[in-house]
Protein backbone atom coordinates (compact mmCIF):
# COMPACT_ATOMS: atom_id res chain seq x y z
CA MET A 1 29.50 23.85 2.43
CA THR A 2 31.52 21.12 3.38
CA GLY A 3 31.73 19.33 0.35
CA ARG A 4 30.10 16.32 1.89
CA PRO A 5 26.57 14.93 0.41
CA ASP A 6 23.90 15.84 2.30
CA ALA A 7 23.26 12.74 4.46
CA ALA A 8 19.29 13.44 4.89
CA THR A 9 18.62 13.49 0.62
CA PRO A 10 18.71 9.96 -0.17
CA ALA A 11 15.65 9.12 2.50
CA SER A 12 13.93 12.57 1.35
CA ARG A 13 13.52 10.64 -2.42
CA SER A 14 10.41 8.80 -2.62
CA THR A 15 8.92 7.48 -6.00
CA SER A 16 5.19 7.01 -6.50
CA GLU A 17 2.99 5.18 -8.38
CA THR A 18 -0.43 4.57 -9.30
CA VAL A 19 -2.38 1.56 -9.87
CA LYS A 20 -5.66 1.81 -11.36
CA VAL A 21 -8.22 -1.56 -11.51
CA THR A 22 -11.30 -1.51 -14.05
CA HIS A 23 -14.10 -4.12 -13.32
CA ASP A 24 -17.24 -4.16 -14.41
CA GLY A 25 -17.02 -0.87 -15.70
CA GLN A 26 -15.97 0.57 -12.21
CA VAL A 27 -12.79 2.20 -11.76
CA CYS A 28 -11.09 2.25 -8.27
CA ALA A 29 -7.00 3.53 -7.74
CA ALA A 30 -4.47 3.45 -5.18
CA ASP A 31 -1.39 5.61 -4.97
CA ILE A 32 1.91 3.67 -4.08
CA SER A 33 4.55 5.61 -2.47
CA THR A 34 8.34 4.10 -1.85
CA PRO A 35 11.23 5.23 -0.05
CA ALA A 36 14.44 5.86 -1.73
CA GLU A 37 16.07 3.18 0.71
CA PRO A 38 14.85 -1.20 -0.11
CA ASP A 39 13.68 -1.90 3.09
CA GLY A 40 11.25 0.44 3.52
CA VAL A 41 7.85 1.58 4.54
CA ALA A 42 6.03 1.59 1.00
CA SER A 43 2.65 3.51 1.72
CA VAL A 44 -0.64 3.08 -0.18
CA GLY A 45 -4.02 5.21 -0.17
CA LEU A 46 -6.64 3.38 -1.76
CA ARG A 47 -9.28 5.19 -3.57
CA ALA A 48 -12.76 3.78 -4.61
CA ASP A 49 -16.29 5.22 -4.81
CA HIS A 50 -18.75 4.75 -1.87
CA ASP A 51 -20.22 2.03 -4.85
CA THR A 52 -17.52 0.35 -6.08
CA SER A 53 -17.99 -3.68 -5.90
CA PRO A 54 -16.23 -5.60 -3.11
CA GLU A 55 -14.71 -7.73 -5.99
CA ALA A 56 -13.00 -4.38 -7.69
CA ARG A 57 -11.57 -3.04 -4.15
CA GLY A 58 -10.28 -6.64 -3.58
CA GLU A 59 -8.54 -7.10 -7.21
CA LEU A 60 -6.93 -3.18 -6.20
CA VAL A 61 -5.22 -4.85 -2.80
CA ASP A 62 -4.22 -7.64 -4.51
CA ARG A 63 -2.70 -5.65 -7.47
CA VAL A 64 -1.35 -3.31 -4.73
CA MET A 65 0.48 -5.82 -3.05
CA GLU A 66 1.80 -8.20 -5.59
CA HIS A 67 2.97 -4.51 -6.61
CA PRO A 68 7.27 -4.46 -6.63
CA ALA A 69 7.43 -1.29 -4.93
CA VAL A 70 5.05 -2.93 -2.11
CA GLN A 71 6.90 -5.99 -1.99
CA GLY A 72 10.82 -4.56 -2.18
CA SER A 73 9.46 -2.86 1.10
CA ASP A 74 9.04 -5.06 4.81
CA LYS A 75 6.38 -3.16 6.24
CA VAL A 76 3.20 -1.25 4.53
CA ARG A 77 0.92 1.87 5.48
CA VAL A 78 -2.40 1.51 3.71
CA VAL A 79 -5.07 3.95 4.20
CA VAL A 80 -8.30 2.92 3.39
CA PRO A 81 -12.32 3.99 3.69
CA LEU A 82 -13.02 3.55 7.11
CA GLY A 83 -15.63 0.71 7.15
CA ASP A 84 -14.44 -1.01 3.89
CA SER A 85 -13.86 -4.26 5.12
CA GLU A 86 -13.31 -6.38 1.68
CA SER A 87 -9.76 -4.03 1.14
CA ILE A 88 -8.82 -4.74 4.98
CA GLY A 89 -10.15 -8.42 4.87
CA ARG A 90 -7.62 -8.37 1.68
CA LEU A 91 -4.91 -6.56 3.07
CA HIS A 92 -4.86 -9.18 6.08
CA GLU A 93 -4.61 -12.09 3.58
CA HIS A 94 -1.17 -10.16 2.04
CA THR A 95 0.31 -9.23 5.49
CA THR A 96 1.72 -10.05 9.13
CA ASN A 97 1.26 -8.60 12.47
CA ALA A 98 -1.52 -5.97 11.32
CA ASN A 99 -2.48 -2.96 13.61
CA ALA A 100 -5.60 -0.94 12.42
CA ARG A 101 -6.34 2.45 14.12
CA ALA A 102 -9.61 4.92 12.53
CA ALA A 103 -8.42 8.14 11.44
CA GLY A 104 -11.22 10.72 10.39
CA ALA A 105 -13.16 8.96 7.74
CA SER A 106 -10.36 6.31 6.99
CA SER A 107 -8.49 3.44 8.40
CA VAL A 108 -5.39 3.27 8.63
CA ILE A 109 -3.62 -0.01 8.55
CA GLU A 110 0.31 -0.60 9.04
CA ALA A 111 1.40 -4.12 8.73
CA ASP A 112 4.80 -6.65 7.90
CA VAL A 113 4.66 -7.62 4.23
CA ALA A 114 4.29 -10.94 4.04
CA HIS A 115 6.33 -11.98 1.36
CA PRO A 116 5.76 -15.22 -0.67
CA ALA A 117 8.35 -18.26 0.28
CA ALA A 118 11.42 -18.64 -1.81
CA ASP A 119 11.52 -22.54 -3.61
CA ALA A 120 13.89 -24.09 -1.01
């Protein structure tokens, strides 16, 4: 042991939270994981049943993208069910430089978080 802190330790810690939305009795959720260091990449996994309304999925994306953990990040990586056009469209409203790719039964969207402009 050298007596110095392990440089990898802070980066290996992250926080994780779950955001849930109930819309007309339907529940959908998202897991948000953010790194310990600020301005990193927030990872999000959206979960919803196949019959969950587009409104509920859209509301979930809005809540996730407004979450302080996501707003405190420069980038976001979101995994959504393949073909969930409502969630993908809503993500484009909250991000810039988005790239999407299929990954099995999911779509992975990586993008820059669009931060609201500060009042001048």
